């Protein structure tokens, strides 16, 4: 297993994660609370939305960073 394969795996995981998280965002601010009621993991809807935003931004940075690295060919094959 090469470094390129590992980076491609993380890149693919972040892409799928971003798709799922963007679909979880609610335009009305309901967020995760709209799916199956209030999430047990979060203490409030505001906390759920804040956590969802932070995870989404983290995956966005990972995805875009690895996109640049993979497209530039900076990793050995």
PDB file of N, CA and C in Angstrom:
ATOM      1  N   UNK A   1       0.853  -1.174   0.000  1.00  0.00           N
ATOM      2  CA  UNK A   1       0.000   0.000   0.000  1.00  0.00           C
ATOM      3  C   UNK A   1       0.901   1.240   0.000  1.00  0.00           C
ATOM      4  N   UNK A   2       0.680   2.108  -0.949  1.00  0.00           N
ATOM      5  CA  UNK A   2       1.516   3.289  -1.081  1.00  0.00           C
ATOM      6  C   UNK A   2       0.863   4.499  -0.407  1.00  0.00           C
ATOM      7  N   UNK A   3       1.651   5.547  -0.272  1.00  0.00           N
ATOM      8  CA  UNK A   3       1.149   6.791   0.317  1.00  0.00           C
ATOM      9  C   UNK A   3       0.022   7.354  -0.543  1.00  0.00           C
ATOM     10  N   UNK A   4       0.156   7.241  -1.849  1.00  0.00           N
ATOM     11  CA  UNK A   4      -0.879   7.745  -2.759  1.00  0.00           C
ATOM     12  C   UNK A   4      -2.202   7.023  -2.529  1.00  0.00           C
ATOM     13  N   UNK A   5      -2.157   5.722  -2.337  1.00  0.00           N
ATOM     14  CA  UNK A   5      -3.386   4.962  -2.095  1.00  0.00           C
ATOM     15  C   UNK A   5      -4.049   5.373  -0.784  1.00  0.00           C
ATOM     16  N   UNK A   6      -3.244   5.617   0.242  1.00  0.00           N
ATOM     17  CA  UNK A   6      -3.793   6.035   1.532  1.00  0.00           C
ATOM     18  C   UNK A   6      -4.449   7.407   1.406  1.00  0.00           C
ATOM     19  N   UNK A   7      -3.768   8.335   0.742  1.00  0.00           N
ATOM     20  CA  UNK A   7      -4.320   9.678   0.552  1.00  0.00           C
ATOM     21  C   UNK A   7      -5.593   9.617  -0.286  1.00  0.00           C
ATOM     22  N   UNK A   8      -5.614   8.784  -1.315  1.00  0.00           N
ATOM     23  CA  UNK A   8      -6.821   8.646  -2.134  1.00  0.00           C
ATOM     24  C   UNK A   8      -7.979   8.071  -1.314  1.00  0.00           C
ATOM     25  N   UNK A   9      -7.692   7.151  -0.408  1.00  0.00           N
ATOM     26  CA  UNK A   9      -8.732   6.599   0.455  1.00  0.00           C
ATOM     27  C   UNK A   9      -9.318   7.648   1.386  1.00  0.00           C
ATOM     28  N   UNK A  10      -8.444   8.451   2.005  1.00  0.00           N
ATOM     29  CA  UNK A  10      -8.913   9.517   2.880  1.00  0.00           C
ATOM     30  C   UNK A  10      -9.685  10.559   2.074  1.00  0.00           C
ATOM     31  N   UNK A  11      -9.196  10.857   0.871  1.00  0.00           N
ATOM     32  CA  UNK A  11      -9.869  11.819  -0.009  1.00  0.00           C
ATOM     33  C   UNK A  11     -11.277  11.333  -0.368  1.00  0.00           C
ATOM     34  N   UNK A  12     -11.415  10.058  -0.710  1.00  0.00           N
ATOM     35  CA  UNK A  12     -12.728   9.496  -1.046  1.00  0.00           C
ATOM     36  C   UNK A  12     -13.656   9.498   0.165  1.00  0.00           C
ATOM     37  N   UNK A  13     -13.127   9.144   1.342  1.00  0.00           N
ATOM     38  CA  UNK A  13     -13.926   9.166   2.568  1.00  0.00           C
ATOM     39  C   UNK A  13     -14.427  10.572   2.870  1.00  0.00           C
ATOM     40  N   UNK A  14     -13.545  11.565   2.698  1.00  0.00           N
ATOM     41  CA  UNK A  14     -13.968  12.939   2.968  1.00  0.00           C
ATOM     42  C   UNK A  14     -15.019  13.402   1.959  1.00  0.00           C
ATOM     43  N   UNK A  15     -14.931  12.936   0.712  1.00  0.00           N
ATOM     44  CA  UNK A  15     -15.930  13.300  -0.295  1.00  0.00           C
ATOM     45  C   UNK A  15     -17.302  12.733   0.075  1.00  0.00           C
ATOM     46  N   UNK A  16     -17.347  11.465   0.451  1.00  0.00           N
ATOM     47  CA  UNK A  16     -18.616  10.840   0.845  1.00  0.00           C
ATOM     48  C   UNK A  16     -19.156  11.494   2.117  1.00  0.00           C
ATOM     49  N   UNK A  17     -18.259  11.762   3.063  1.00  0.00           N
ATOM     50  CA  UNK A  17     -18.671  12.425   4.299  1.00  0.00           C
ATOM     51  C   UNK A  17     -19.248  13.803   4.045  1.00  0.00           C
ATOM     52  N   UNK A  18     -18.643  14.547   3.132  1.00  0.00           N
ATOM     53  CA  UNK A  18     -19.159  15.869   2.794  1.00  0.00           C
ATOM     54  C   UNK A  18     -20.556  15.793   2.183  1.00  0.00           C
ATOM     55  N   UNK A  19     -20.754  14.831   1.312  1.00  0.00           N
ATOM     56  CA  UNK A  19     -22.080  14.663   0.697  1.00  0.00           C
ATOM     57  C   UNK A  19     -23.127  14.406   1.768  1.00  0.00           C
ATOM     58  N   UNK A  20     -22.821  13.505   2.677  1.00  0.00           N
ATOM     59  CA  UNK A  20     -23.771  13.158   3.744  1.00  0.00           C
ATOM     60  C   UNK A  20     -24.026  14.355   4.654  1.00  0.00           C
ATOM     61  N   UNK A  21     -22.961  15.045   5.060  1.00  0.00           N
ATOM     62  CA  UNK A  21     -23.130  16.170   5.978  1.00  0.00           C
ATOM     63  C   UNK A  21     -23.868  17.337   5.341  1.00  0.00           C
ATOM     64  N   UNK A  22     -23.631  17.590   4.070  1.00  0.00           N
ATOM     65  CA  UNK A  22     -24.351  18.676   3.404  1.00  0.00           C
ATOM     66  C   UNK A  22     -25.835  18.334   3.310  1.00  0.00           C
ATOM     67  N   UNK A  23     -26.149  17.074   3.090  1.00  0.00           N
ATOM     68  CA  UNK A  23     -27.553  16.674   3.050  1.00  0.00           C
ATOM     69  C   UNK A  23     -28.214  16.747   4.423  1.00  0.00           C
ATOM     70  N   UNK A  24     -27.425  16.617   5.487  1.00  0.00           N
ATOM     71  CA  UNK A  24     -27.976  16.717   6.839  1.00  0.00           C
ATOM     72  C   UNK A  24     -28.283  18.161   7.237  1.00  0.00           C
ATOM     73  N   UNK A  25     -27.610  19.111   6.622  1.00  0.00           N
ATOM     74  CA  UNK A  25     -27.872  20.516   6.937  1.00  0.00           C
ATOM     75  C   UNK A  25     -29.282  20.868   6.520  1.00  0.00           C
ATOM     76  N   UNK A  26     -29.956  21.576   7.397  1.00  0.00           N
ATOM     77  CA  UNK A  26     -31.323  21.995   7.107  1.00  0.00           C
ATOM     78  C   UNK A  26     -31.336  23.480   6.784  1.00  0.00           C
ATOM     79  N   UNK A  27     -32.045  23.877   5.736  1.00  0.00           N
ATOM     80  CA  UNK A  27     -32.112  25.297   5.410  1.00  0.00           C
ATOM     81  C   UNK A  27     -32.878  26.107   6.449  1.00  0.00           C
ATOM     82  N   UNK A  28     -33.661  25.443   7.284  1.00  0.00           N
ATOM     83  CA  UNK A  28     -34.438  26.130   8.312  1.00  0.00           C
ATOM     84  C   UNK A  28     -33.720  26.166   9.652  1.00  0.00           C
ATOM     85  N   UNK A  29     -32.523  25.603   9.714  1.00  0.00           N
ATOM     86  CA  UNK A  29     -31.790  25.601  10.975  1.00  0.00           C
ATOM     87  C   UNK A  29     -32.126  24.420  11.863  1.00  0.00           C
ATOM     88  N   UNK A  30     -32.919  23.462  11.365  1.00  0.00           N
ATOM     89  CA  UNK A  30     -33.253  22.298  12.173  1.00  0.00           C
ATOM     90  C   UNK A  30     -32.071  21.351  12.304  1.00  0.00           C
ATOM     91  N   UNK A  31     -31.309  21.189  11.235  1.00  0.00           N
ATOM     92  CA  UNK A  31     -30.111  20.345  11.261  1.00  0.00           C
ATOM     93  C   UNK A  31     -30.406  18.910  11.603  1.00  0.00           C
ATOM     94  N   UNK A  32     -29.587  18.333  12.447  1.00  0.00           N
ATOM     95  CA  UNK A  32     -29.695  16.930  12.828  1.00  0.00           C
ATOM     96  C   UNK A  32     -30.976  16.674  13.616  1.00  0.00           C
ATOM     97  N   UNK A  33     -31.463  17.674  14.333  1.00  0.00           N
ATOM     98  CA  UNK A  33     -32.670  17.509  15.132  1.00  0.00           C
ATOM     99  C   UNK A  33     -33.897  17.172  14.314  1.00  0.00           C
ATOM    100  N   UNK A  34     -33.897  17.488  13.030  1.00  0.00           N
ATOM    101  CA  UNK A  34     -35.051  17.217  12.179  1.00  0.00           C
ATOM    102  C   UNK A  34     -35.145  15.746  11.794  1.00  0.00           C
ATOM    103  N   UNK A  35     -34.060  15.020  11.914  1.00  0.00           N
ATOM    104  CA  UNK A  35     -34.039  13.611  11.529  1.00  0.00           C
ATOM    105  C   UNK A  35     -34.224  12.768  12.781  1.00  0.00           C
ATOM    106  N   UNK A  36     -35.381  12.194  12.928  1.00  0.00           N
ATOM    107  CA  UNK A  36     -35.646  11.311  14.060  1.00  0.00           C
ATOM    108  C   UNK A  36     -35.710  12.031  15.392  1.00  0.00           C
ATOM    109  N   UNK A  37     -36.081  13.267  15.414  1.00  0.00           N
ATOM    110  CA  UNK A  37     -36.179  13.996  16.663  1.00  0.00           C
ATOM    111  C   UNK A  37     -34.827  14.527  17.110  1.00  0.00           C
ATOM    112  N   UNK A  38     -34.775  15.019  18.317  1.00  0.00           N
ATOM    113  CA  UNK A  38     -33.544  15.586  18.862  1.00  0.00           C
ATOM    114  C   UNK A  38     -32.496  14.491  19.036  1.00  0.00           C
ATOM    115  N   UNK A  39     -31.292  14.758  18.559  1.00  0.00           N
ATOM    116  CA  UNK A  39     -30.202  13.791  18.682  1.00  0.00           C
ATOM    117  C   UNK A  39     -29.769  13.685  20.142  1.00  0.00           C
ATOM    118  N   UNK A  40     -29.534  12.475  20.617  1.00  0.00           N
ATOM    119  CA  UNK A  40     -29.124  12.251  21.995  1.00  0.00           C
ATOM    120  C   UNK A  40     -27.690  12.710  22.242  1.00  0.00           C
ATOM    121  N   UNK A  41     -26.901  12.769  21.179  1.00  0.00           N
ATOM    122  CA  UNK A  41     -25.490  13.124  21.309  1.00  0.00           C
ATOM    123  C   UNK A  41     -25.305  14.596  21.643  1.00  0.00           C
ATOM    124  N   UNK A  42     -26.258  15.422  21.297  1.00  0.00           N
ATOM    125  CA  UNK A  42     -26.107  16.856  21.456  1.00  0.00           C
ATOM    126  C   UNK A  42     -27.048  17.367  22.537  1.00  0.00           C
ATOM    127  N   UNK A  43     -26.623  18.425  23.226  1.00  0.00           N
ATOM    128  CA  UNK A  43     -27.453  18.955  24.298  1.00  0.00           C
ATOM    129  C   UNK A  43     -28.540  19.900  23.791  1.00  0.00           C
ATOM    130  N   UNK A  44     -28.327  20.484  22.620  1.00  0.00           N
ATOM    131  CA  UNK A  44     -29.331  21.385  22.062  1.00  0.00           C
ATOM    132  C   UNK A  44     -29.214  21.409  20.547  1.00  0.00           C
ATOM    133  N   UNK A  45     -30.211  21.971  19.909  1.00  0.00           N
ATOM    134  CA  UNK A  45     -30.189  22.085  18.447  1.00  0.00           C
ATOM    135  C   UNK A  45     -29.061  22.989  18.002  1.00  0.00           C
ATOM    136  N   UNK A  46     -28.816  24.051  18.758  1.00  0.00           N
ATOM    137  CA  UNK A  46     -27.729  24.971  18.419  1.00  0.00           C
ATOM    138  C   UNK A  46     -26.384  24.253  18.512  1.00  0.00           C
ATOM    139  N   UNK A  47     -26.220  23.420  19.505  1.00  0.00           N
ATOM    140  CA  UNK A  47     -24.994  22.638  19.653  1.00  0.00           C
ATOM    141  C   UNK A  47     -24.843  21.647  18.506  1.00  0.00           C
ATOM    142  N   UNK A  48     -25.940  21.045  18.104  1.00  0.00           N
ATOM    143  CA  UNK A  48     -25.901  20.097  16.989  1.00  0.00           C
ATOM    144  C   UNK A  48     -25.506  20.797  15.701  1.00  0.00           C
ATOM    145  N   UNK A  49     -26.062  21.970  15.477  1.00  0.00           N
ATOM    146  CA  UNK A  49     -25.760  22.717  14.250  1.00  0.00           C
ATOM    147  C   UNK A  49     -24.313  23.194  14.253  1.00  0.00           C
ATOM    148  N   UNK A  50     -23.823  23.623  15.407  1.00  0.00           N
ATOM    149  CA  UNK A  50     -22.432  24.059  15.518  1.00  0.00           C
ATOM    150  C   UNK A  50     -21.480  22.909  15.255  1.00  0.00           C
ATOM    151  N   UNK A  51     -21.762  21.761  15.834  1.00  0.00           N
ATOM    152  CA  UNK A  51     -20.918  20.577  15.620  1.00  0.00           C
ATOM    153  C   UNK A  51     -20.960  20.142  14.164  1.00  0.00           C
ATOM    154  N   UNK A  52     -22.132  20.159  13.573  1.00  0.00           N
ATOM    155  CA  UNK A  52     -22.287  19.788  12.167  1.00  0.00           C
ATOM    156  C   UNK A  52     -21.493  20.735  11.266  1.00  0.00           C
ATOM    157  N   UNK A  53     -21.521  22.011  11.569  1.00  0.00           N
ATOM    158  CA  UNK A  53     -20.754  22.988  10.794  1.00  0.00           C
ATOM    159  C   UNK A  53     -19.251  22.760  10.925  1.00  0.00           C
ATOM    160  N   UNK A  54     -18.782  22.492  12.132  1.00  0.00           N
ATOM    161  CA  UNK A  54     -17.352  22.278  12.349  1.00  0.00           C
ATOM    162  C   UNK A  54     -16.854  21.033  11.620  1.00  0.00           C
ATOM    163  N   UNK A  55     -17.613  19.953  11.696  1.00  0.00           N
ATOM    164  CA  UNK A  55     -17.214  18.723  11.011  1.00  0.00           C
ATOM    165  C   UNK A  55     -17.244  18.920   9.501  1.00  0.00           C
ATOM    166  N   UNK A  56     -18.244  19.635   9.011  1.00  0.00           N
ATOM    167  CA  UNK A  56     -18.339  19.910   7.575  1.00  0.00           C
ATOM    168  C   UNK A  56     -17.144  20.725   7.096  1.00  0.00           C
ATOM    169  N   UNK A  57     -16.782  21.769   7.838  1.00  0.00           N
ATOM    170  CA  UNK A  57     -15.633  22.590   7.446  1.00  0.00           C
ATOM    171  C   UNK A  57     -14.333  21.802   7.516  1.00  0.00           C
ATOM    172  N   UNK A  58     -14.192  20.944   8.517  1.00  0.00           N
ATOM    173  CA  UNK A  58     -12.979  20.118   8.632  1.00  0.00           C
ATOM    174  C   UNK A  58     -12.851  19.191   7.431  1.00  0.00           C
ATOM    175  N   UNK A  59     -13.933  18.517   7.068  1.00  0.00           N
ATOM    176  CA  UNK A  59     -13.894  17.629   5.904  1.00  0.00           C
ATOM    177  C   UNK A  59     -13.678  18.410   4.606  1.00  0.00           C
ATOM    178  N   UNK A  60     -14.185  19.630   4.538  1.00  0.00           N
ATOM    179  CA  UNK A  60     -13.962  20.458   3.354  1.00  0.00           C
ATOM    180  C   UNK A  60     -12.493  20.794   3.185  1.00  0.00           C
ATOM    181  N   UNK A  61     -11.835  21.163   4.275  1.00  0.00           N
ATOM    182  CA  UNK A  61     -10.407  21.492   4.222  1.00  0.00           C
ATOM    183  C   UNK A  61      -9.594  20.253   3.840  1.00  0.00           C
ATOM    184  N   UNK A  62      -9.923  19.104   4.426  1.00  0.00           N
ATOM    185  CA  UNK A  62      -9.220  17.858   4.085  1.00  0.00           C
ATOM    186  C   UNK A  62      -9.418  17.522   2.613  1.00  0.00           C
ATOM    187  N   UNK A  63     -10.658  17.599   2.153  1.00  0.00           N
ATOM    188  CA  UNK A  63     -10.963  17.263   0.761  1.00  0.00           C
ATOM    189  C   UNK A  63     -10.225  18.178  -0.214  1.00  0.00           C
ATOM    190  N   UNK A  64     -10.298  19.478   0.019  1.00  0.00           N
ATOM    191  CA  UNK A  64      -9.649  20.416  -0.893  1.00  0.00           C
ATOM    192  C   UNK A  64      -8.127  20.307  -0.831  1.00  0.00           C
ATOM    193  N   UNK A  65      -7.588  20.096   0.362  1.00  0.00           N
ATOM    194  CA  UNK A  65      -6.141  19.937   0.496  1.00  0.00           C
ATOM    195  C   UNK A  65      -5.630  18.712  -0.245  1.00  0.00           C
ATOM    196  N   UNK A  66      -6.307  17.594  -0.059  1.00  0.00           N
ATOM    197  CA  UNK A  66      -5.887  16.372  -0.747  1.00  0.00           C
ATOM    198  C   UNK A  66      -6.161  16.452  -2.246  1.00  0.00           C
ATOM    199  N   UNK A  67      -7.163  17.215  -2.656  1.00  0.00           N
ATOM    200  CA  UNK A  67      -7.404  17.415  -4.084  1.00  0.00           C
ATOM    201  C   UNK A  67      -6.221  18.119  -4.731  1.00  0.00           C
ATOM    202  N   UNK A  68      -5.713  19.134  -4.068  1.00  0.00           N
ATOM    203  CA  UNK A  68      -4.548  19.860  -4.585  1.00  0.00           C
ATOM    204  C   UNK A  68      -3.328  18.947  -4.620  1.00  0.00           C
ATOM    205  N   UNK A  69      -3.092  18.209  -3.538  1.00  0.00           N
ATOM    206  CA  UNK A  69      -1.921  17.327  -3.463  1.00  0.00           C
ATOM    207  C   UNK A  69      -1.992  16.240  -4.532  1.00  0.00           C
ATOM    208  N   UNK A  70      -3.152  15.623  -4.701  1.00  0.00           N
ATOM    209  CA  UNK A  70      -3.292  14.542  -5.690  1.00  0.00           C
ATOM    210  C   UNK A  70      -3.213  15.061  -7.118  1.00  0.00           C
ATOM    211  N   UNK A  71      -3.800  16.221  -7.371  1.00  0.00           N
ATOM    212  CA  UNK A  71      -3.802  16.728  -8.746  1.00  0.00           C
ATOM    213  C   UNK A  71      -2.436  17.293  -9.150  1.00  0.00           C
ATOM    214  N   UNK A  72      -1.669  17.773  -8.169  1.00  0.00           N
ATOM    215  CA  UNK A  72      -0.347  18.331  -8.463  1.00  0.00           C
ATOM    216  C   UNK A  72       0.696  17.235  -8.676  1.00  0.00           C
ATOM    217  N   UNK A  73       0.399  16.020  -8.239  1.00  0.00           N
ATOM    218  CA  UNK A  73       1.335  14.919  -8.404  1.00  0.00           C
ATOM    219  C   UNK A  73       2.532  15.001  -7.468  1.00  0.00           C
ATOM    220  N   UNK A  74       2.322  15.545  -6.279  1.00  0.00           N
ATOM    221  CA  UNK A  74       3.407  15.719  -5.320  1.00  0.00           C
ATOM    222  C   UNK A  74       3.756  14.443  -4.580  1.00  0.00           C
ATOM    223  N   UNK A  75       2.940  13.420  -4.695  1.00  0.00           N
ATOM    224  CA  UNK A  75       3.189  12.165  -3.978  1.00  0.00           C
ATOM    225  C   UNK A  75       3.875  11.158  -4.903  1.00  0.00           C
ATOM    226  N   UNK A  76       4.767  10.336  -4.320  1.00  0.00           N
ATOM    227  CA  UNK A  76       5.404   9.304  -5.153  1.00  0.00           C
ATOM    228  C   UNK A  76       4.398   8.226  -5.540  1.00  0.00           C
ATOM    229  N   UNK A  77       4.621   7.625  -6.698  1.00  0.00           N
ATOM    230  CA  UNK A  77       3.696   6.590  -7.165  1.00  0.00           C
ATOM    231  C   UNK A  77       4.131   5.243  -6.803  1.00  0.00           C
TER     232      UNK A  77
END
